[in-house]
Amino acid sequence: MDDAALEKLKFPVGKFQWIDRLSDEKIKLYIQQIRHFPTQLEEQIGRLNTEDFKKPYRPGGWQIGQLVHHLADSHMHCYLRFKQALIQDTPSIMDYDQDQWAVLPDALNLELQSSIEMLKGIHKRWSDLMETLNPIQWERQYYHPARDKYYPLATVLALYAWHGQHHLAHIKNTV
C-alpha cells in the first residue's frame, strides 16, 4: 500500500484543521454533531456482526471494537477536561496513553453496548452544557502538558465534532 492510500485510510475525512474562534452558527452546528454522534455510531455498528468488530480499520490500526471503546474513553476524557476548563483558570489536564488504553481487556471486549451507552450519556450532558455557554466561556481553555499546547473550548468543540466523524468514517470504510 502506498503512502497516499495509507494516509486516506488514516484520515478519511481529512486531518483536523485547528480553529481558534468559531462563529455562533458553527458552534450550533458542532454541538448538534456532538449531540447526534452516538446515534450515528449506534446505527453504523448495528449493521455489523461480531466478526466485523474484529476487523482493523487500516493495516496496523485498531479493530472496530477497539475503536468504539476508544471513542467512549476519549470523549469521556474530553467532557471532563471541558468541565475543568469551565470551573478552573486554565487547568493543566491529565494525559492518557490511548494506545495503552486500547489494549486493556475492556477495550478488547467485543460487547460494545456499554461504550455506546457511555457515549449517549456523555454526549447528552455535554451538548446540554454547551448549549448554555456564553461567548466568554467558549474562550476558556485548558493546558495539555504532554503537547505543550493550550486548547480553547471552541477549538475542543470543533476537534471532537471532527473526531467523531473521523472514526465513524473509519468504521464505514472498513465493512
N, C-alpha and C. Protein backbone atom coordinates (compact mmCIF):
# COMPACT_ATOMS: atom_id res chain seq x y z
N MET A 1 0.86 -1.18 0.00
CA MET A 1 0.00 0.00 0.00
C MET A 1 0.90 1.24 0.00
N ASP A 2 0.60 2.17 -0.90
CA ASP A 2 1.43 3.37 -0.97
C ASP A 2 1.05 4.36 0.14
N ASP A 3 1.90 5.36 0.34
CA ASP A 3 1.70 6.33 1.42
C ASP A 3 0.39 7.10 1.29
N ALA A 4 0.03 7.46 0.07
CA ALA A 4 -1.22 8.23 -0.14
C ALA A 4 -2.44 7.40 0.23
N ALA A 5 -2.44 6.12 -0.13
CA ALA A 5 -3.56 5.25 0.21
C ALA A 5 -3.66 5.04 1.73
N LEU A 6 -2.50 4.87 2.38
CA LEU A 6 -2.50 4.70 3.83
C LEU A 6 -2.97 5.98 4.52
N GLU A 7 -2.55 7.12 4.01
CA GLU A 7 -2.98 8.41 4.58
C GLU A 7 -4.49 8.57 4.47
N LYS A 8 -5.08 8.12 3.36
CA LYS A 8 -6.53 8.20 3.17
C LYS A 8 -7.25 7.28 4.16
N LEU A 9 -6.66 6.12 4.44
CA LEU A 9 -7.25 5.23 5.44
C LEU A 9 -7.15 5.82 6.85
N LYS A 10 -6.03 6.49 7.13
CA LYS A 10 -5.84 7.10 8.44
C LYS A 10 -6.78 8.29 8.65
N PHE A 11 -6.94 9.10 7.62
CA PHE A 11 -7.71 10.34 7.75
C PHE A 11 -8.76 10.44 6.65
N PRO A 12 -9.80 9.59 6.73
CA PRO A 12 -10.80 9.55 5.66
C PRO A 12 -11.62 10.83 5.49
N VAL A 13 -11.69 11.66 6.52
CA VAL A 13 -12.40 12.94 6.39
C VAL A 13 -11.42 14.11 6.39
N GLY A 14 -10.12 13.79 6.23
CA GLY A 14 -9.08 14.81 6.27
C GLY A 14 -8.59 15.02 7.69
N LYS A 15 -7.43 15.66 7.80
CA LYS A 15 -6.87 15.97 9.12
C LYS A 15 -7.64 17.15 9.72
N PHE A 16 -7.66 17.18 11.04
CA PHE A 16 -8.32 18.28 11.73
C PHE A 16 -7.59 19.59 11.43
N GLN A 17 -8.36 20.60 11.12
CA GLN A 17 -7.84 21.95 10.90
C GLN A 17 -8.11 22.79 12.14
N TRP A 18 -7.04 23.22 12.81
CA TRP A 18 -7.15 23.99 14.04
C TRP A 18 -7.96 25.26 13.81
N ILE A 19 -8.90 25.51 14.69
CA ILE A 19 -9.77 26.69 14.61
C ILE A 19 -9.73 27.37 15.98
N ASP A 20 -9.30 28.61 16.03
CA ASP A 20 -9.25 29.33 17.31
C ASP A 20 -10.60 29.89 17.72
N ARG A 21 -11.33 30.43 16.77
CA ARG A 21 -12.63 31.04 17.08
C ARG A 21 -13.67 30.48 16.12
N LEU A 22 -14.87 30.30 16.67
CA LEU A 22 -15.97 29.78 15.86
C LEU A 22 -17.11 30.80 15.82
N SER A 23 -17.79 30.85 14.71
CA SER A 23 -19.00 31.67 14.61
C SER A 23 -20.09 31.01 15.44
N ASP A 24 -21.11 31.77 15.77
CA ASP A 24 -22.25 31.20 16.50
C ASP A 24 -22.89 30.06 15.72
N GLU A 25 -22.93 30.19 14.40
CA GLU A 25 -23.51 29.15 13.55
C GLU A 25 -22.70 27.87 13.62
N LYS A 26 -21.37 28.00 13.58
CA LYS A 26 -20.51 26.81 13.67
C LYS A 26 -20.65 26.15 15.03
N ILE A 27 -20.72 26.95 16.08
CA ILE A 27 -20.90 26.39 17.43
C ILE A 27 -22.18 25.56 17.47
N LYS A 28 -23.26 26.11 16.96
CA LYS A 28 -24.54 25.38 16.96
C LYS A 28 -24.44 24.10 16.14
N LEU A 29 -23.80 24.18 14.97
CA LEU A 29 -23.63 23.01 14.11
C LEU A 29 -22.82 21.92 14.81
N TYR A 30 -21.69 22.30 15.40
CA TYR A 30 -20.84 21.31 16.05
C TYR A 30 -21.49 20.72 17.30
N ILE A 31 -22.25 21.53 18.02
CA ILE A 31 -22.97 20.98 19.18
C ILE A 31 -23.96 19.92 18.71
N GLN A 32 -24.66 20.18 17.61
CA GLN A 32 -25.60 19.19 17.08
C GLN A 32 -24.88 17.93 16.62
N GLN A 33 -23.69 18.09 16.05
CA GLN A 33 -22.92 16.90 15.66
C GLN A 33 -22.53 16.09 16.89
N ILE A 34 -22.12 16.77 17.96
CA ILE A 34 -21.80 16.07 19.21
C ILE A 34 -23.06 15.38 19.75
N ARG A 35 -24.18 16.09 19.75
CA ARG A 35 -25.43 15.54 20.27
C ARG A 35 -25.84 14.26 19.53
N HIS A 36 -25.71 14.25 18.21
CA HIS A 36 -26.24 13.15 17.41
C HIS A 36 -25.22 12.05 17.11
N PHE A 37 -23.98 12.27 17.47
CA PHE A 37 -22.95 11.28 17.14
C PHE A 37 -23.25 9.87 17.70
N PRO A 38 -23.63 9.73 18.97
CA PRO A 38 -23.87 8.37 19.47
C PRO A 38 -24.93 7.61 18.66
N THR A 39 -25.96 8.30 18.21
CA THR A 39 -26.99 7.65 17.40
C THR A 39 -26.42 7.22 16.06
N GLN A 40 -25.61 8.07 15.45
CA GLN A 40 -24.98 7.71 14.17
C GLN A 40 -24.08 6.49 14.34
N LEU A 41 -23.30 6.49 15.42
CA LEU A 41 -22.40 5.36 15.68
C LEU A 41 -23.19 4.09 15.93
N GLU A 42 -24.23 4.19 16.74
CA GLU A 42 -25.05 3.01 17.04
C GLU A 42 -25.69 2.45 15.77
N GLU A 43 -26.17 3.32 14.89
CA GLU A 43 -26.75 2.87 13.62
C GLU A 43 -25.69 2.18 12.77
N GLN A 44 -24.49 2.74 12.73
CA GLN A 44 -23.44 2.16 11.91
C GLN A 44 -23.01 0.79 12.42
N ILE A 45 -22.78 0.67 13.73
CA ILE A 45 -22.34 -0.64 14.22
C ILE A 45 -23.49 -1.63 14.28
N GLY A 46 -24.72 -1.15 14.27
CA GLY A 46 -25.88 -2.04 14.23
C GLY A 46 -25.95 -2.85 12.95
N ARG A 47 -25.26 -2.38 11.92
CA ARG A 47 -25.22 -3.09 10.63
C ARG A 47 -24.14 -4.17 10.60
N LEU A 48 -23.34 -4.23 11.66
CA LEU A 48 -22.18 -5.12 11.67
C LEU A 48 -22.45 -6.35 12.53
N ASN A 49 -21.60 -7.35 12.35
CA ASN A 49 -21.68 -8.54 13.20
C ASN A 49 -20.39 -8.64 14.02
N THR A 50 -20.35 -9.60 14.90
CA THR A 50 -19.21 -9.74 15.80
C THR A 50 -17.89 -9.89 15.04
N GLU A 51 -17.90 -10.58 13.94
CA GLU A 51 -16.66 -10.73 13.15
C GLU A 51 -16.18 -9.39 12.60
N ASP A 52 -17.13 -8.52 12.25
CA ASP A 52 -16.75 -7.19 11.77
C ASP A 52 -16.03 -6.39 12.85
N PHE A 53 -16.41 -6.59 14.11
CA PHE A 53 -15.78 -5.85 15.21
C PHE A 53 -14.31 -6.21 15.37
N LYS A 54 -13.89 -7.34 14.81
CA LYS A 54 -12.50 -7.78 14.89
C LYS A 54 -11.64 -7.23 13.76
N LYS A 55 -12.25 -6.59 12.78
CA LYS A 55 -11.51 -6.09 11.62
C LYS A 55 -10.82 -4.77 11.94
N PRO A 56 -9.54 -4.64 11.56
CA PRO A 56 -8.87 -3.35 11.74
C PRO A 56 -9.32 -2.38 10.64
N TYR A 57 -9.39 -1.10 10.99
CA TYR A 57 -9.83 -0.11 10.01
C TYR A 57 -8.74 0.25 9.00
N ARG A 58 -7.50 -0.13 9.31
CA ARG A 58 -6.38 0.04 8.39
C ARG A 58 -5.28 -0.93 8.82
N PRO A 59 -4.33 -1.23 7.94
CA PRO A 59 -3.22 -2.08 8.35
C PRO A 59 -2.50 -1.49 9.57
N GLY A 60 -2.36 -2.28 10.61
CA GLY A 60 -1.71 -1.82 11.83
C GLY A 60 -2.60 -0.98 12.73
N GLY A 61 -3.85 -0.79 12.34
CA GLY A 61 -4.78 0.04 13.13
C GLY A 61 -5.60 -0.79 14.09
N TRP A 62 -6.36 -0.10 14.90
CA TRP A 62 -7.23 -0.78 15.86
C TRP A 62 -8.35 -1.51 15.15
N GLN A 63 -8.87 -2.52 15.85
CA GLN A 63 -10.07 -3.20 15.38
C GLN A 63 -11.27 -2.28 15.62
N ILE A 64 -12.35 -2.53 14.89
CA ILE A 64 -13.55 -1.70 15.02
C ILE A 64 -14.05 -1.70 16.47
N GLY A 65 -14.02 -2.84 17.13
CA GLY A 65 -14.44 -2.89 18.53
C GLY A 65 -13.58 -1.99 19.41
N GLN A 66 -12.27 -2.03 19.22
CA GLN A 66 -11.38 -1.15 19.98
C GLN A 66 -11.69 0.31 19.70
N LEU A 67 -12.00 0.60 18.47
CA LEU A 67 -12.30 1.97 18.06
C LEU A 67 -13.54 2.50 18.80
N VAL A 68 -14.56 1.66 18.92
CA VAL A 68 -15.78 2.08 19.64
C VAL A 68 -15.45 2.34 21.11
N HIS A 69 -14.68 1.47 21.72
CA HIS A 69 -14.30 1.68 23.12
C HIS A 69 -13.41 2.92 23.25
N HIS A 70 -12.53 3.13 22.28
CA HIS A 70 -11.68 4.34 22.28
C HIS A 70 -12.54 5.60 22.26
N LEU A 71 -13.58 5.60 21.46
CA LEU A 71 -14.46 6.77 21.39
C LEU A 71 -15.05 7.08 22.77
N ALA A 72 -15.50 6.05 23.48
CA ALA A 72 -16.04 6.27 24.82
C ALA A 72 -14.96 6.81 25.76
N ASP A 73 -13.77 6.22 25.72
CA ASP A 73 -12.67 6.68 26.57
C ASP A 73 -12.28 8.12 26.25
N SER A 74 -12.08 8.40 24.99
CA SER A 74 -11.63 9.72 24.56
C SER A 74 -12.66 10.80 24.85
N HIS A 75 -13.91 10.54 24.55
CA HIS A 75 -14.94 11.55 24.75
C HIS A 75 -15.25 11.75 26.23
N MET A 76 -15.06 10.69 27.03
CA MET A 76 -15.19 10.84 28.48
C MET A 76 -14.10 11.78 28.99
N HIS A 77 -12.87 11.58 28.55
CA HIS A 77 -11.79 12.47 28.95
C HIS A 77 -12.07 13.91 28.52
N CYS A 78 -12.52 14.06 27.30
CA CYS A 78 -12.76 15.41 26.80
C CYS A 78 -13.86 16.11 27.59
N TYR A 79 -14.92 15.42 27.88
CA TYR A 79 -16.02 16.01 28.66
C TYR A 79 -15.51 16.49 30.02
N LEU A 80 -14.69 15.68 30.68
CA LEU A 80 -14.15 16.06 31.98
C LEU A 80 -13.20 17.25 31.84
N ARG A 81 -12.38 17.27 30.82
CA ARG A 81 -11.48 18.39 30.58
C ARG A 81 -12.26 19.67 30.31
N PHE A 82 -13.31 19.53 29.55
CA PHE A 82 -14.18 20.66 29.21
C PHE A 82 -14.74 21.29 30.48
N LYS A 83 -15.25 20.44 31.36
CA LYS A 83 -15.83 20.94 32.61
C LYS A 83 -14.76 21.56 33.51
N GLN A 84 -13.57 20.96 33.55
CA GLN A 84 -12.49 21.55 34.34
C GLN A 84 -12.18 22.96 33.85
N ALA A 85 -12.14 23.14 32.54
CA ALA A 85 -11.83 24.45 31.98
C ALA A 85 -12.91 25.48 32.30
N LEU A 86 -14.12 25.03 32.53
CA LEU A 86 -15.19 25.96 32.88
C LEU A 86 -15.13 26.42 34.33
N ILE A 87 -14.54 25.61 35.20
CA ILE A 87 -14.55 25.98 36.62
C ILE A 87 -13.17 26.34 37.17
N GLN A 88 -12.12 26.10 36.39
CA GLN A 88 -10.76 26.45 36.82
C GLN A 88 -10.12 27.34 35.76
N ASP A 89 -9.21 28.18 36.20
CA ASP A 89 -8.49 29.02 35.25
C ASP A 89 -7.37 28.22 34.60
N THR A 90 -7.54 27.91 33.33
CA THR A 90 -6.57 27.19 32.50
C THR A 90 -5.96 25.99 33.24
N PRO A 91 -6.80 25.01 33.54
CA PRO A 91 -6.26 23.84 34.24
C PRO A 91 -5.28 23.07 33.35
N SER A 92 -4.33 22.44 33.99
CA SER A 92 -3.43 21.52 33.31
C SER A 92 -4.08 20.15 33.40
N ILE A 93 -4.39 19.56 32.25
CA ILE A 93 -5.17 18.33 32.26
C ILE A 93 -4.26 17.10 32.34
N MET A 94 -4.85 16.01 32.76
CA MET A 94 -4.14 14.73 32.81
C MET A 94 -4.16 14.11 31.42
N ASP A 95 -3.02 13.64 30.98
CA ASP A 95 -2.94 12.95 29.70
C ASP A 95 -3.24 11.47 29.93
N TYR A 96 -3.55 10.77 28.86
CA TYR A 96 -3.67 9.32 28.94
C TYR A 96 -3.13 8.76 27.64
N ASP A 97 -2.57 7.58 27.70
CA ASP A 97 -2.00 6.94 26.52
C ASP A 97 -3.08 6.09 25.86
N GLN A 98 -3.68 6.65 24.80
CA GLN A 98 -4.81 5.96 24.16
C GLN A 98 -4.42 4.61 23.61
N ASP A 99 -3.19 4.44 23.17
CA ASP A 99 -2.77 3.14 22.64
C ASP A 99 -2.70 2.09 23.75
N GLN A 100 -2.26 2.48 24.95
CA GLN A 100 -2.25 1.54 26.07
C GLN A 100 -3.67 1.23 26.54
N TRP A 101 -4.54 2.25 26.54
CA TRP A 101 -5.93 2.01 26.92
C TRP A 101 -6.59 1.06 25.93
N ALA A 102 -6.22 1.14 24.67
CA ALA A 102 -6.86 0.33 23.61
C ALA A 102 -6.53 -1.16 23.69
N VAL A 103 -5.53 -1.52 24.47
CA VAL A 103 -5.18 -2.95 24.58
C VAL A 103 -5.52 -3.51 25.96
N LEU A 104 -6.14 -2.72 26.81
CA LEU A 104 -6.62 -3.26 28.08
C LEU A 104 -7.80 -4.20 27.81
N PRO A 105 -8.03 -5.17 28.69
CA PRO A 105 -9.08 -6.17 28.43
C PRO A 105 -10.45 -5.59 28.11
N ASP A 106 -10.85 -4.50 28.77
CA ASP A 106 -12.18 -3.95 28.49
C ASP A 106 -12.28 -3.37 27.09
N ALA A 107 -11.15 -2.92 26.52
CA ALA A 107 -11.15 -2.37 25.17
C ALA A 107 -11.09 -3.46 24.10
N LEU A 108 -10.79 -4.67 24.50
CA LEU A 108 -10.74 -5.80 23.57
C LEU A 108 -12.05 -6.60 23.58
N ASN A 109 -12.93 -6.27 24.51
CA ASN A 109 -14.21 -6.94 24.63
C ASN A 109 -15.08 -6.58 23.43
N LEU A 110 -15.67 -7.57 22.79
CA LEU A 110 -16.49 -7.32 21.61
C LEU A 110 -17.93 -6.92 21.95
N GLU A 111 -18.25 -6.84 23.23
CA GLU A 111 -19.55 -6.32 23.65
C GLU A 111 -19.40 -4.81 23.68
N LEU A 112 -20.06 -4.12 22.76
CA LEU A 112 -19.86 -2.69 22.57
C LEU A 112 -20.95 -1.82 23.18
N GLN A 113 -22.03 -2.42 23.63
CA GLN A 113 -23.17 -1.64 24.11
C GLN A 113 -22.82 -0.75 25.29
N SER A 114 -21.94 -1.20 26.16
CA SER A 114 -21.58 -0.37 27.32
C SER A 114 -20.92 0.93 26.86
N SER A 115 -20.08 0.86 25.85
CA SER A 115 -19.45 2.08 25.34
C SER A 115 -20.45 2.97 24.60
N ILE A 116 -21.39 2.36 23.92
CA ILE A 116 -22.45 3.15 23.26
C ILE A 116 -23.27 3.88 24.32
N GLU A 117 -23.61 3.19 25.40
CA GLU A 117 -24.39 3.82 26.47
C GLU A 117 -23.60 4.94 27.13
N MET A 118 -22.30 4.73 27.33
CA MET A 118 -21.46 5.81 27.88
C MET A 118 -21.50 7.03 26.96
N LEU A 119 -21.32 6.79 25.68
CA LEU A 119 -21.33 7.89 24.72
C LEU A 119 -22.66 8.62 24.70
N LYS A 120 -23.76 7.88 24.78
CA LYS A 120 -25.08 8.52 24.82
C LYS A 120 -25.19 9.47 26.02
N GLY A 121 -24.80 8.99 27.18
CA GLY A 121 -24.89 9.82 28.38
C GLY A 121 -23.95 11.01 28.34
N ILE A 122 -22.71 10.76 27.97
CA ILE A 122 -21.72 11.84 27.91
C ILE A 122 -22.15 12.90 26.89
N HIS A 123 -22.54 12.47 25.72
CA HIS A 123 -22.89 13.42 24.66
C HIS A 123 -24.16 14.20 24.99
N LYS A 124 -25.10 13.58 25.67
CA LYS A 124 -26.32 14.29 26.08
C LYS A 124 -25.95 15.39 27.07
N ARG A 125 -25.22 15.03 28.11
CA ARG A 125 -24.84 16.01 29.14
C ARG A 125 -23.94 17.08 28.55
N TRP A 126 -22.99 16.67 27.73
CA TRP A 126 -22.02 17.60 27.14
C TRP A 126 -22.72 18.60 26.22
N SER A 127 -23.58 18.13 25.34
CA SER A 127 -24.27 19.04 24.42
C SER A 127 -25.25 19.94 25.18
N ASP A 128 -25.93 19.40 26.21
CA ASP A 128 -26.80 20.24 27.03
C ASP A 128 -25.99 21.36 27.69
N LEU A 129 -24.83 21.02 28.23
CA LEU A 129 -23.96 22.01 28.86
C LEU A 129 -23.50 23.05 27.84
N MET A 130 -23.04 22.60 26.70
CA MET A 130 -22.51 23.53 25.71
C MET A 130 -23.56 24.52 25.21
N GLU A 131 -24.80 24.09 25.16
CA GLU A 131 -25.87 24.99 24.71
C GLU A 131 -26.11 26.14 25.67
N THR A 132 -25.58 26.06 26.88
CA THR A 132 -25.77 27.13 27.87
C THR A 132 -24.61 28.12 27.91
N LEU A 133 -23.54 27.85 27.18
CA LEU A 133 -22.33 28.67 27.30
C LEU A 133 -22.47 30.01 26.58
N ASN A 134 -21.82 31.01 27.16
CA ASN A 134 -21.79 32.33 26.54
C ASN A 134 -20.44 32.51 25.81
N PRO A 135 -20.30 33.55 25.02
CA PRO A 135 -19.06 33.74 24.24
C PRO A 135 -17.78 33.77 25.08
N ILE A 136 -17.83 34.32 26.26
CA ILE A 136 -16.65 34.37 27.13
C ILE A 136 -16.24 32.95 27.55
N GLN A 137 -17.24 32.12 27.86
CA GLN A 137 -16.94 30.74 28.28
C GLN A 137 -16.31 29.94 27.15
N TRP A 138 -16.70 30.21 25.91
CA TRP A 138 -16.11 29.48 24.78
C TRP A 138 -14.63 29.80 24.61
N GLU A 139 -14.17 30.90 25.19
CA GLU A 139 -12.76 31.28 25.11
C GLU A 139 -11.93 30.65 26.22
N ARG A 140 -12.58 30.09 27.23
CA ARG A 140 -11.83 29.42 28.31
C ARG A 140 -11.03 28.28 27.69
N GLN A 141 -9.99 27.88 28.37
CA GLN A 141 -9.11 26.87 27.79
C GLN A 141 -8.50 25.98 28.87
N TYR A 142 -7.93 24.88 28.40
CA TYR A 142 -7.11 24.05 29.29
C TYR A 142 -5.75 23.89 28.64
N TYR A 143 -4.79 23.47 29.47
CA TYR A 143 -3.43 23.27 29.01
C TYR A 143 -3.14 21.78 28.97
N HIS A 144 -2.60 21.32 27.85
CA HIS A 144 -2.24 19.91 27.67
C HIS A 144 -0.72 19.81 27.81
N PRO A 145 -0.22 19.41 28.99
CA PRO A 145 1.23 19.42 29.22
C PRO A 145 2.02 18.49 28.31
N ALA A 146 1.46 17.35 27.95
CA ALA A 146 2.20 16.42 27.09
C ALA A 146 2.39 16.99 25.68
N ARG A 147 1.50 17.88 25.27
CA ARG A 147 1.60 18.51 23.94
C ARG A 147 2.08 19.94 24.02
N ASP A 148 2.24 20.45 25.25
CA ASP A 148 2.64 21.84 25.48
C ASP A 148 1.77 22.78 24.64
N LYS A 149 0.46 22.61 24.80
CA LYS A 149 -0.48 23.36 23.98
C LYS A 149 -1.71 23.75 24.79
N TYR A 150 -2.25 24.93 24.49
CA TYR A 150 -3.48 25.41 25.09
C TYR A 150 -4.64 25.10 24.15
N TYR A 151 -5.75 24.65 24.72
CA TYR A 151 -6.93 24.27 23.96
C TYR A 151 -8.12 25.12 24.36
N PRO A 152 -8.49 26.13 23.56
CA PRO A 152 -9.72 26.88 23.83
C PRO A 152 -10.93 25.95 23.65
N LEU A 153 -11.97 26.16 24.45
CA LEU A 153 -13.12 25.26 24.38
C LEU A 153 -13.79 25.26 23.02
N ALA A 154 -13.80 26.38 22.33
CA ALA A 154 -14.38 26.39 20.97
C ALA A 154 -13.59 25.46 20.05
N THR A 155 -12.27 25.46 20.20
CA THR A 155 -11.44 24.56 19.40
C THR A 155 -11.71 23.11 19.77
N VAL A 156 -11.88 22.85 21.05
CA VAL A 156 -12.17 21.49 21.52
C VAL A 156 -13.49 21.01 20.93
N LEU A 157 -14.48 21.87 20.89
CA LEU A 157 -15.76 21.51 20.28
C LEU A 157 -15.55 21.10 18.82
N ALA A 158 -14.85 21.91 18.07
CA ALA A 158 -14.59 21.59 16.66
C ALA A 158 -13.79 20.29 16.53
N LEU A 159 -12.79 20.12 17.38
CA LEU A 159 -11.96 18.92 17.35
C LEU A 159 -12.77 17.65 17.59
N TYR A 160 -13.66 17.68 18.58
CA TYR A 160 -14.40 16.45 18.89
C TYR A 160 -15.57 16.21 17.96
N ALA A 161 -16.10 17.25 17.35
CA ALA A 161 -17.08 17.03 16.28
C ALA A 161 -16.37 16.32 15.13
N TRP A 162 -15.16 16.79 14.80
CA TRP A 162 -14.34 16.14 13.76
C TRP A 162 -13.99 14.71 14.19
N HIS A 163 -13.56 14.53 15.44
CA HIS A 163 -13.11 13.23 15.93
C HIS A 163 -14.18 12.16 15.74
N GLY A 164 -15.41 12.50 16.06
CA GLY A 164 -16.50 11.54 15.87
C GLY A 164 -16.67 11.16 14.41
N GLN A 165 -16.69 12.15 13.53
CA GLN A 165 -16.87 11.88 12.10
C GLN A 165 -15.67 11.13 11.53
N HIS A 166 -14.50 11.44 12.01
CA HIS A 166 -13.25 10.78 11.60
C HIS A 166 -13.34 9.26 11.86
N HIS A 167 -13.73 8.90 13.08
CA HIS A 167 -13.81 7.47 13.41
C HIS A 167 -15.05 6.80 12.83
N LEU A 168 -16.12 7.54 12.67
CA LEU A 168 -17.30 6.99 12.01
C LEU A 168 -16.95 6.61 10.57
N ALA A 169 -16.16 7.45 9.90
CA ALA A 169 -15.72 7.13 8.55
C ALA A 169 -14.81 5.91 8.52
N HIS A 170 -13.98 5.74 9.55
CA HIS A 170 -13.15 4.53 9.63
C HIS A 170 -14.04 3.28 9.62
N ILE A 171 -15.08 3.32 10.43
CA ILE A 171 -15.97 2.16 10.52
C ILE A 171 -16.70 1.93 9.21
N LYS A 172 -17.24 2.98 8.63
CA LYS A 172 -17.95 2.86 7.35
C LYS A 172 -17.05 2.31 6.26
N ASN A 173 -15.81 2.72 6.24
CA ASN A 173 -14.88 2.30 5.18
C ASN A 173 -14.32 0.90 5.39
N THR A 174 -14.50 0.34 6.58
CA THR A 174 -13.94 -0.98 6.87
C THR A 174 -14.81 -2.11 6.37
N VAL A 175 -16.11 -1.93 6.45
CA VAL A 175 -17.00 -3.04 6.08
C VAL A 175 -17.83 -2.73 4.86
